[in-house]
Amino acid sequence: MSDRVVRRATQIRSDRAAPAPTVVRLDEDVVKLMRDELAEVADRAVGAITEEVPSYTGQFSGAMGDRIRQAVQLALGGFLTLATREDAGTPMAPALEGAYQLGRGEARSGRSMEALLAAYRIGARVSWRDLSRTAVEAGVEAEQLSRFAELVFAYIDELSASSAAGHTDELESTGRVRQRNLDRLARALVTGAAADAVVAAAERADWEPPTALSAVLLPESQVSHAVTALDPRTLHPTEEVPGVPDGLALLLAPSTGTRSARSGLVRALRGTTAVVGPTVPWLEAARSHDRAVRAVALGIEGVVDTDAHLGALLLAADPETRADLRARVLAPLADQRPSTADKLAETLRAWVLHQGRRDAVAEELFIHAQTVRYRVGQLRDLYGDRLEDPQFVLEVTLALA
């Protein structure tokens, strides 16, 4: 039997203000009368439970009902044995183990512990009512009847505590298993696993795929705040996921794929420093994850909607190639003094971006229009007709933007 069950039962007994009596010295004829009616008592207890606890309505019919009635009858019979034998202080291991497994089974069936505790209370009430009536009719004295009542409810208390432990253990166990399956699903999604493998992982995790997903990267300390504002199906892997920068956590937030849903996601993340990847079909979540990871490197503060920074992401996609392009574009300035080269480079950038509008260049660089004219003249001497070449203009834009 689970050590947790034993510890819990021991704790219950030690927490009582005064130890409950362990034996009621009932006449053997009275005990026999009680035993003879246990089957009927069990039937009435199960009937009352199904009538008063909605979660059990229709659950105890057929073979299932027979097993439940038999279990109740055996539990009551075990109680009578414990309550009337001089050595009744021996451990209740079999009864506690049965109650523990009942709790686990109820959790697997999706019923709450509140429903099971209600069943215990109703079962105890009906059992006490029927058994005490038999005891009174047999002439049992008030003192013995009082001790008998204490034993009934102490017995139910220990059984219900054992069931609660089983219920909790099962929820924790199944919760861990499902979280592991969800973690595997998230990993399969962001690593671009084959579609059939991802679909199978979703089925194992009992996760209903949405139309689309958006990868969200944010500090681990902000996850709990974000999750409460997002779709309950949001995946939050607790295991390490490839590509997620240190100190950040990954969320895969479901979406309908519409513009309004995208806006709602960004609004829900206000108050965080999240980076939101593009909304993509759910099986293509790796694309959203990759873009979100690249956007982190941009160093933009606040909630970052990657859809609003596509140009910057494009320019940052291949930094080595961009560095080579920059070096080639600026090669004609290599023989100039560093200060002159820097001024000419910023003028070249502004000239291209403002499409040769001298006043706009002067305003951006905070210099006089005549200074712009002078510098552009220097650039024409160095670059010649290349300044009018669309291909070169494109290269300058990409290299210096």
Protein backbone atom coordinates (compact mmCIF):
# COMPACT_ATOMS: atom_id res chain seq x y z
CA MET A 1 0.00 0.00 0.00
CA SER A 2 1.17 3.57 -0.67
CA ASP A 3 3.27 5.03 2.17
CA ARG A 4 1.33 8.21 1.66
CA VAL A 5 -1.90 6.43 2.56
CA VAL A 6 -0.42 5.05 5.78
CA ARG A 7 1.06 8.42 6.76
CA ARG A 8 -2.22 10.18 6.06
CA ALA A 9 -4.24 7.70 8.12
CA THR A 10 -1.76 7.98 10.97
CA GLN A 11 -1.90 11.77 10.82
CA ILE A 12 -5.70 11.74 11.01
CA ARG A 13 -5.63 9.54 14.11
CA SER A 14 -2.95 11.68 15.80
CA ASP A 15 -4.77 14.96 15.02
CA ARG A 16 -7.91 14.05 16.93
CA ALA A 17 -8.42 15.84 20.23
CA ALA A 18 -9.20 12.56 21.98
CA PRO A 19 -8.72 9.04 20.65
CA ALA A 20 -11.92 7.44 19.44
CA PRO A 21 -12.87 4.15 21.05
CA THR A 22 -11.67 1.18 19.05
CA VAL A 23 -14.09 -1.44 20.32
CA VAL A 24 -17.80 -1.53 21.01
CA ARG A 25 -18.65 -4.64 23.02
CA LEU A 26 -21.89 -5.47 21.29
CA ASP A 27 -23.67 -8.71 21.93
CA GLU A 28 -22.84 -11.31 19.29
CA ASP A 29 -26.53 -11.67 18.43
CA VAL A 30 -26.75 -7.92 17.73
CA VAL A 31 -23.66 -8.07 15.49
CA LYS A 32 -25.21 -11.00 13.62
CA LEU A 33 -28.40 -9.04 13.04
CA MET A 34 -26.34 -6.16 11.63
CA ARG A 35 -24.35 -8.46 9.38
CA ASP A 36 -27.50 -10.07 8.05
CA GLU A 37 -28.80 -6.75 6.79
CA LEU A 38 -25.53 -5.39 5.33
CA ALA A 39 -26.61 -6.18 1.77
CA GLU A 40 -29.81 -4.15 2.18
CA VAL A 41 -27.93 -1.32 3.91
CA ALA A 42 -25.44 -1.22 1.03
CA ASP A 43 -28.31 -1.07 -1.49
CA ARG A 44 -29.94 1.82 0.33
CA ALA A 45 -26.63 3.69 0.71
CA VAL A 46 -25.84 3.37 -3.01
CA GLY A 47 -29.40 4.39 -3.89
CA ALA A 48 -29.15 7.52 -1.75
CA ILE A 49 -25.78 8.44 -3.28
CA THR A 50 -27.05 8.15 -6.85
CA GLU A 51 -30.12 10.18 -5.95
CA GLU A 52 -28.37 12.98 -4.07
CA VAL A 53 -25.06 13.37 -5.92
CA PRO A 54 -25.63 14.37 -9.58
CA SER A 55 -22.17 13.14 -10.65
CA TYR A 56 -23.19 9.57 -9.83
CA THR A 57 -26.61 9.58 -11.48
CA GLY A 58 -26.78 6.63 -13.84
CA GLN A 59 -23.23 5.55 -13.00
CA PHE A 60 -24.02 2.56 -10.75
CA SER A 61 -26.22 0.47 -13.02
CA GLY A 62 -25.58 -3.07 -14.23
CA ALA A 63 -22.35 -4.86 -13.34
CA MET A 64 -20.80 -1.59 -12.13
CA GLY A 65 -23.60 -1.12 -9.62
CA ASP A 66 -23.21 -4.69 -8.36
CA ARG A 67 -19.50 -4.16 -7.75
CA ILE A 68 -20.11 -0.90 -5.90
CA ARG A 69 -22.76 -2.45 -3.68
CA GLN A 70 -20.49 -5.37 -2.90
CA ALA A 71 -17.65 -3.00 -2.06
CA VAL A 72 -19.87 -1.00 0.29
CA GLN A 73 -21.08 -4.20 1.94
CA LEU A 74 -17.51 -5.45 2.42
CA ALA A 75 -16.44 -2.09 3.87
CA LEU A 76 -19.30 -2.18 6.36
CA GLY A 77 -18.53 -5.77 7.26
CA GLY A 78 -14.89 -4.86 7.83
CA PHE A 79 -15.99 -2.05 10.07
CA LEU A 80 -18.11 -4.37 12.21
CA THR A 81 -15.14 -6.69 12.58
CA LEU A 82 -12.84 -3.83 13.62
CA ALA A 83 -15.41 -2.39 15.99
CA THR A 84 -16.28 -5.57 17.85
CA ARG A 85 -12.99 -7.49 18.12
CA GLU A 86 -10.66 -6.94 21.05
CA ASP A 87 -7.70 -6.75 18.63
CA ALA A 88 -9.48 -4.19 16.44
CA GLY A 89 -6.59 -1.76 16.84
CA THR A 90 -4.65 -3.63 14.14
CA PRO A 91 -3.91 -1.58 10.97
CA MET A 92 -6.77 -0.93 8.51
CA ALA A 93 -4.49 -1.58 5.55
CA PRO A 94 -6.96 -3.41 3.27
CA ALA A 95 -9.77 -0.89 3.80
CA LEU A 96 -7.44 2.10 3.39
CA GLU A 97 -5.91 0.66 0.25
CA GLY A 98 -9.35 0.08 -1.24
CA ALA A 99 -10.34 3.66 -0.44
CA TYR A 100 -7.09 4.96 -1.91
CA GLN A 101 -7.66 3.11 -5.18
CA LEU A 102 -11.25 4.34 -5.24
CA GLY A 103 -9.96 7.91 -5.09
CA ARG A 104 -7.59 7.28 -7.99
CA GLY A 105 -10.39 5.73 -10.02
CA GLU A 106 -12.67 8.70 -9.39
CA ALA A 107 -9.96 11.07 -10.61
CA ARG A 108 -9.51 9.00 -13.77
CA SER A 109 -13.28 9.17 -14.31
CA GLY A 110 -13.13 12.97 -14.16
CA ARG A 111 -15.18 13.31 -10.99
CA SER A 112 -14.17 15.80 -8.34
CA MET A 113 -13.16 14.95 -4.80
CA GLU A 114 -16.17 16.94 -3.61
CA ALA A 115 -18.46 14.38 -5.25
CA LEU A 116 -16.67 11.48 -3.56
CA LEU A 117 -16.71 13.17 -0.14
CA ALA A 118 -20.43 13.79 -0.55
CA ALA A 119 -20.88 10.10 -1.33
CA TYR A 120 -18.99 9.18 1.84
CA ARG A 121 -21.14 11.51 3.95
CA ILE A 122 -24.37 10.16 2.50
CA GLY A 123 -23.17 6.55 2.83
CA ALA A 124 -22.21 7.14 6.47
CA ARG A 125 -25.56 8.77 7.22
CA VAL A 126 -27.60 5.93 5.69
CA SER A 127 -25.43 3.22 7.23
CA TRP A 128 -25.59 4.80 10.67
CA ARG A 129 -29.35 5.29 10.43
CA ASP A 130 -30.01 1.66 9.50
CA LEU A 131 -27.44 -0.03 11.74
CA SER A 132 -28.29 2.11 14.75
CA ARG A 133 -31.98 1.30 14.32
CA THR A 134 -31.11 -2.38 14.45
CA ALA A 135 -28.99 -1.77 17.55
CA VAL A 136 -31.76 0.15 19.32
CA GLU A 137 -34.34 -2.50 18.49
CA ALA A 138 -31.97 -5.11 19.95
CA GLY A 139 -31.75 -3.15 23.22
CA VAL A 140 -28.23 -1.71 22.92
CA GLU A 141 -27.62 0.83 25.69
CA ALA A 142 -27.16 4.55 24.98
CA GLU A 143 -23.48 4.58 25.99
CA GLN A 144 -22.64 1.77 23.60
CA LEU A 145 -24.72 3.41 20.87
CA SER A 146 -22.78 6.65 21.32
CA ARG A 147 -19.44 4.88 21.02
CA PHE A 148 -20.76 3.01 17.99
CA ALA A 149 -21.61 6.36 16.33
CA GLU A 150 -18.11 7.67 17.05
CA LEU A 151 -16.61 4.63 15.40
CA VAL A 152 -18.81 4.87 12.31
CA PHE A 153 -17.81 8.44 11.57
CA ALA A 154 -14.16 7.97 12.53
CA TYR A 155 -14.02 5.01 10.14
CA ILE A 156 -15.57 7.07 7.33
CA ASP A 157 -13.16 9.91 8.11
CA GLU A 158 -10.14 7.66 7.60
CA LEU A 159 -11.54 6.12 4.42
CA SER A 160 -12.37 9.51 2.91
CA ALA A 161 -8.90 10.84 3.76
CA SER A 162 -7.33 7.83 2.06
CA SER A 163 -9.52 8.39 -1.00
CA ALA A 164 -8.53 12.05 -1.06
CA ALA A 165 -4.86 11.04 -1.10
CA GLY A 166 -5.52 8.66 -4.00
CA HIS A 167 -7.48 11.31 -5.89
CA THR A 168 -4.67 13.85 -5.46
CA ASP A 169 -1.96 11.38 -6.44
CA GLU A 170 -3.83 10.39 -9.59
CA LEU A 171 -4.38 14.01 -10.64
CA GLU A 172 -0.70 14.80 -10.06
CA SER A 173 0.38 11.69 -11.93
CA THR A 174 -1.89 12.19 -14.93
CA GLY A 175 -1.10 15.90 -14.91
CA ARG A 176 2.62 15.15 -15.19
CA VAL A 177 2.02 12.67 -18.00
CA ARG A 178 -0.12 15.14 -19.95
CA GLN A 179 2.40 17.93 -19.43
CA ARG A 180 5.15 15.68 -20.77
CA ASN A 181 3.01 14.97 -23.82
CA LEU A 182 2.31 18.68 -24.28
CA ASP A 183 6.05 19.40 -23.99
CA ARG A 184 6.78 16.83 -26.67
CA LEU A 185 4.10 18.37 -28.87
CA ALA A 186 5.59 21.85 -28.48
CA ARG A 187 9.06 20.52 -29.29
CA ALA A 188 7.75 18.75 -32.39
CA LEU A 189 6.05 21.93 -33.54
CA VAL A 190 9.00 24.29 -33.16
CA THR A 191 11.56 21.85 -34.58
CA GLY A 192 9.51 21.33 -37.73
CA ALA A 193 8.78 17.63 -37.27
CA ALA A 194 6.82 15.80 -39.95
CA ALA A 195 3.13 16.66 -40.01
CA ASP A 196 1.96 13.13 -39.20
CA ALA A 197 4.29 13.02 -36.17
CA VAL A 198 2.96 16.36 -34.91
CA VAL A 199 -0.67 15.27 -35.37
CA ALA A 200 0.06 12.06 -33.45
CA ALA A 201 1.71 14.06 -30.66
CA ALA A 202 -1.37 16.30 -30.43
CA GLU A 203 -3.61 13.24 -30.12
CA ARG A 204 -1.44 11.75 -27.37
CA ALA A 205 -1.59 15.04 -25.48
CA ASP A 206 -5.39 15.23 -25.91
CA TRP A 207 -4.86 18.70 -27.43
CA GLU A 208 -7.31 20.05 -29.99
CA PRO A 209 -5.37 21.87 -32.73
CA PRO A 210 -6.45 25.46 -33.49
CA THR A 211 -6.53 27.02 -36.92
CA ALA A 212 -3.27 28.87 -36.35
CA LEU A 213 -0.52 29.47 -33.79
CA SER A 214 1.73 32.36 -32.83
CA ALA A 215 5.01 31.82 -31.02
CA VAL A 216 5.53 34.16 -28.07
CA LEU A 217 8.86 34.63 -26.29
CA LEU A 218 8.89 36.45 -22.97
CA PRO A 219 10.76 36.46 -19.64
CA GLU A 220 9.99 33.42 -17.48
CA SER A 221 8.81 35.73 -14.70
CA GLN A 222 5.99 37.03 -16.92
CA VAL A 223 4.61 33.67 -18.06
CA SER A 224 1.96 33.28 -15.37
CA HIS A 225 0.58 36.76 -16.10
CA ALA A 226 0.46 36.08 -19.83
CA VAL A 227 -1.06 32.61 -19.63
CA THR A 228 -4.08 33.83 -17.68
CA ALA A 229 -4.91 36.23 -20.53
CA LEU A 230 -4.48 33.75 -23.39
CA ASP A 231 -6.47 30.86 -24.85
CA PRO A 232 -6.52 27.88 -22.43
CA ARG A 233 -5.02 25.71 -25.19
CA THR A 234 -1.83 27.79 -25.16
CA LEU A 235 1.18 25.49 -25.05
CA HIS A 236 3.76 26.32 -22.40
CA PRO A 237 6.56 23.74 -22.54
CA THR A 238 8.27 23.24 -19.19
CA GLU A 239 11.21 21.37 -20.68
CA GLU A 240 14.02 23.02 -22.64
CA VAL A 241 13.09 23.87 -26.22
CA PRO A 242 15.79 24.30 -28.91
CA GLY A 243 16.44 27.89 -29.93
CA VAL A 244 14.77 29.64 -27.00
CA PRO A 245 17.21 32.27 -25.63
CA ASP A 246 18.36 31.93 -22.03
CA GLY A 247 16.00 33.50 -19.51
CA LEU A 248 13.04 33.41 -21.88
CA ALA A 249 10.07 31.07 -22.07
CA LEU A 250 8.09 29.96 -25.09
CA LEU A 251 4.32 30.06 -25.48
CA LEU A 252 2.45 28.82 -28.54
CA ALA A 253 -0.79 30.78 -28.53
CA PRO A 254 -3.79 29.53 -30.55
CA SER A 255 -5.46 31.88 -33.01
CA THR A 256 -8.20 31.91 -35.60
CA GLY A 257 -5.74 33.46 -38.03
CA THR A 258 -7.72 36.69 -38.48
CA ARG A 259 -6.34 40.23 -38.17
CA SER A 260 -8.63 40.92 -35.20
CA ALA A 261 -7.40 37.79 -33.41
CA ARG A 262 -3.82 38.94 -33.96
CA SER A 263 -4.61 42.36 -32.51
CA GLY A 264 -6.32 40.69 -29.55
CA LEU A 265 -3.24 38.58 -28.85
CA VAL A 266 -0.94 41.61 -28.85
CA ARG A 267 -3.35 43.51 -26.56
CA ALA A 268 -3.53 40.56 -24.16
CA LEU A 269 0.25 40.72 -23.74
CA ARG A 270 0.34 44.37 -22.71
CA GLY A 271 2.34 44.84 -19.57
CA THR A 272 4.91 42.25 -20.64
CA THR A 273 8.05 42.40 -22.79
CA ALA A 274 6.89 39.68 -25.12
CA VAL A 275 8.01 39.11 -28.70
CA VAL A 276 5.15 37.82 -30.85
CA GLY A 277 5.99 35.77 -33.92
CA PRO A 278 3.75 35.74 -37.00
CA THR A 279 0.42 33.93 -36.97
CA VAL A 280 0.83 30.81 -39.10
CA PRO A 281 -1.10 27.57 -39.74
CA TRP A 282 -0.59 25.47 -36.62
CA LEU A 283 1.55 22.85 -38.33
CA GLU A 284 3.94 25.63 -39.43
CA ALA A 285 4.61 26.95 -35.93
CA ALA A 286 8.37 26.54 -36.48
CA ARG A 287 8.28 29.59 -38.80
CA SER A 288 6.69 31.73 -36.11
CA HIS A 289 9.16 30.49 -33.52
CA ASP A 290 12.20 31.18 -35.73
CA ARG A 291 11.09 34.73 -36.49
CA ALA A 292 10.34 35.47 -32.84
CA VAL A 293 13.83 34.26 -31.88
CA ARG A 294 15.41 36.56 -34.49
CA ALA A 295 13.27 39.47 -33.33
CA VAL A 296 14.60 39.13 -29.77
CA ALA A 297 18.02 40.17 -31.08
CA LEU A 298 16.60 43.51 -32.30
CA GLY A 299 16.45 44.67 -28.68
CA ILE A 300 13.12 46.49 -29.03
CA GLU A 301 11.39 47.27 -25.73
CA GLY A 302 7.80 46.49 -24.80
CA VAL A 303 5.52 44.10 -26.66
CA VAL A 304 7.13 43.43 -30.04
CA ASP A 305 4.79 42.51 -32.89
CA THR A 306 7.15 41.04 -35.46
CA ASP A 307 4.66 41.89 -38.21
CA ALA A 308 5.50 45.56 -37.57
CA HIS A 309 9.26 45.04 -37.93
CA LEU A 310 9.63 42.98 -41.07
CA GLY A 311 12.16 45.33 -42.65
CA ALA A 312 14.45 45.26 -39.63
CA LEU A 313 14.14 41.48 -39.45
CA LEU A 314 15.02 41.13 -43.09
CA LEU A 315 18.10 43.28 -42.69
CA ALA A 316 19.19 41.34 -39.61
CA ALA A 317 18.59 37.92 -41.18
CA ASP A 318 22.18 37.49 -42.48
CA PRO A 319 24.52 39.87 -40.63
CA GLU A 320 27.70 38.51 -42.25
CA THR A 321 26.41 39.05 -45.78
CA ARG A 322 25.19 42.51 -44.85
CA ALA A 323 28.63 43.36 -43.41
CA ASP A 324 30.28 42.26 -46.66
CA LEU A 325 27.81 44.34 -48.67
CA ARG A 326 28.47 47.38 -46.47
CA ALA A 327 32.21 47.02 -46.93
CA ARG A 328 31.82 46.86 -50.71
CA VAL A 329 29.46 49.83 -50.85
CA LEU A 330 31.82 51.97 -48.76
CA ALA A 331 35.02 50.80 -50.45
CA PRO A 332 35.42 54.07 -52.47
CA LEU A 333 35.66 55.96 -49.15
CA ALA A 334 38.58 53.90 -47.89
CA ASP A 335 41.19 56.54 -48.76
CA GLN A 336 39.37 59.36 -46.99
CA ARG A 337 40.14 60.48 -43.47
CA PRO A 338 37.94 58.56 -40.98
CA SER A 339 35.93 61.65 -40.03
CA THR A 340 35.38 62.57 -43.68
CA ALA A 341 34.45 58.97 -44.56
CA ASP A 342 31.86 58.88 -41.78
CA LYS A 343 30.25 62.17 -42.94
CA LEU A 344 30.15 61.03 -46.55
CA ALA A 345 28.67 57.64 -45.57
CA GLU A 346 25.82 59.24 -43.60
CA THR A 347 25.21 61.66 -46.48
CA LEU A 348 25.13 58.79 -48.99
CA ARG A 349 22.58 56.94 -46.82
CA ALA A 350 20.34 60.00 -46.43
CA TRP A 351 20.66 60.91 -50.14
CA VAL A 352 19.46 57.47 -51.19
CA LEU A 353 16.67 57.19 -48.62
CA HIS A 354 15.31 60.68 -49.45
CA GLN A 355 15.69 60.05 -53.19
CA GLY A 356 18.01 63.03 -53.71
CA ARG A 357 15.81 65.66 -52.00
CA ARG A 358 18.48 68.05 -50.74
CA ASP A 359 16.36 69.86 -48.16
CA ALA A 360 15.18 66.58 -46.61
CA VAL A 361 18.79 65.36 -46.36
CA ALA A 362 19.87 68.64 -44.77
CA GLU A 363 17.03 68.44 -42.23
CA GLU A 364 17.87 64.86 -41.24
CA LEU A 365 21.60 65.55 -40.87
CA PHE A 366 21.15 69.02 -39.28
CA ILE A 367 23.42 70.65 -41.87
CA HIS A 368 22.97 73.44 -44.43
CA ALA A 369 21.69 72.58 -47.90
CA GLN A 370 24.92 73.96 -49.36
CA THR A 371 26.87 71.48 -47.24
CA VAL A 372 24.72 68.74 -48.70
CA ARG A 373 25.51 70.01 -52.22
CA TYR A 374 29.24 69.97 -51.44
CA ARG A 375 29.20 66.42 -49.99
CA VAL A 376 27.10 65.02 -52.82
CA GLY A 377 29.63 66.52 -55.22
CA GLN A 378 32.36 64.58 -53.40
CA LEU A 379 30.28 61.40 -53.61
CA ARG A 380 29.83 61.86 -57.37
CA ASP A 381 33.57 62.17 -57.74
CA LEU A 382 34.08 58.92 -55.81
CA TYR A 383 31.16 56.85 -57.16
CA GLY A 384 30.53 58.35 -60.58
CA ASP A 385 27.45 57.13 -62.43
CA ARG A 386 26.84 54.37 -59.88
CA LEU A 387 24.79 56.86 -57.86
CA GLU A 388 22.16 56.65 -60.60
CA ASP A 389 22.26 52.85 -60.92
CA PRO A 390 19.09 51.27 -59.38
CA GLN A 391 21.02 48.15 -58.37
CA PHE A 392 23.62 50.20 -56.52
CA VAL A 393 20.89 52.30 -54.87
CA LEU A 394 19.31 49.07 -53.63
CA GLU A 395 22.64 47.84 -52.26
CA VAL A 396 23.24 51.15 -50.45
CA THR A 397 19.73 50.96 -48.96
CA LEU A 398 20.29 47.44 -47.67
CA ALA A 399 23.84 48.07 -46.48
CA LEU A 400 23.29 51.38 -44.67
CA ALA A 401 19.58 51.28 -43.70
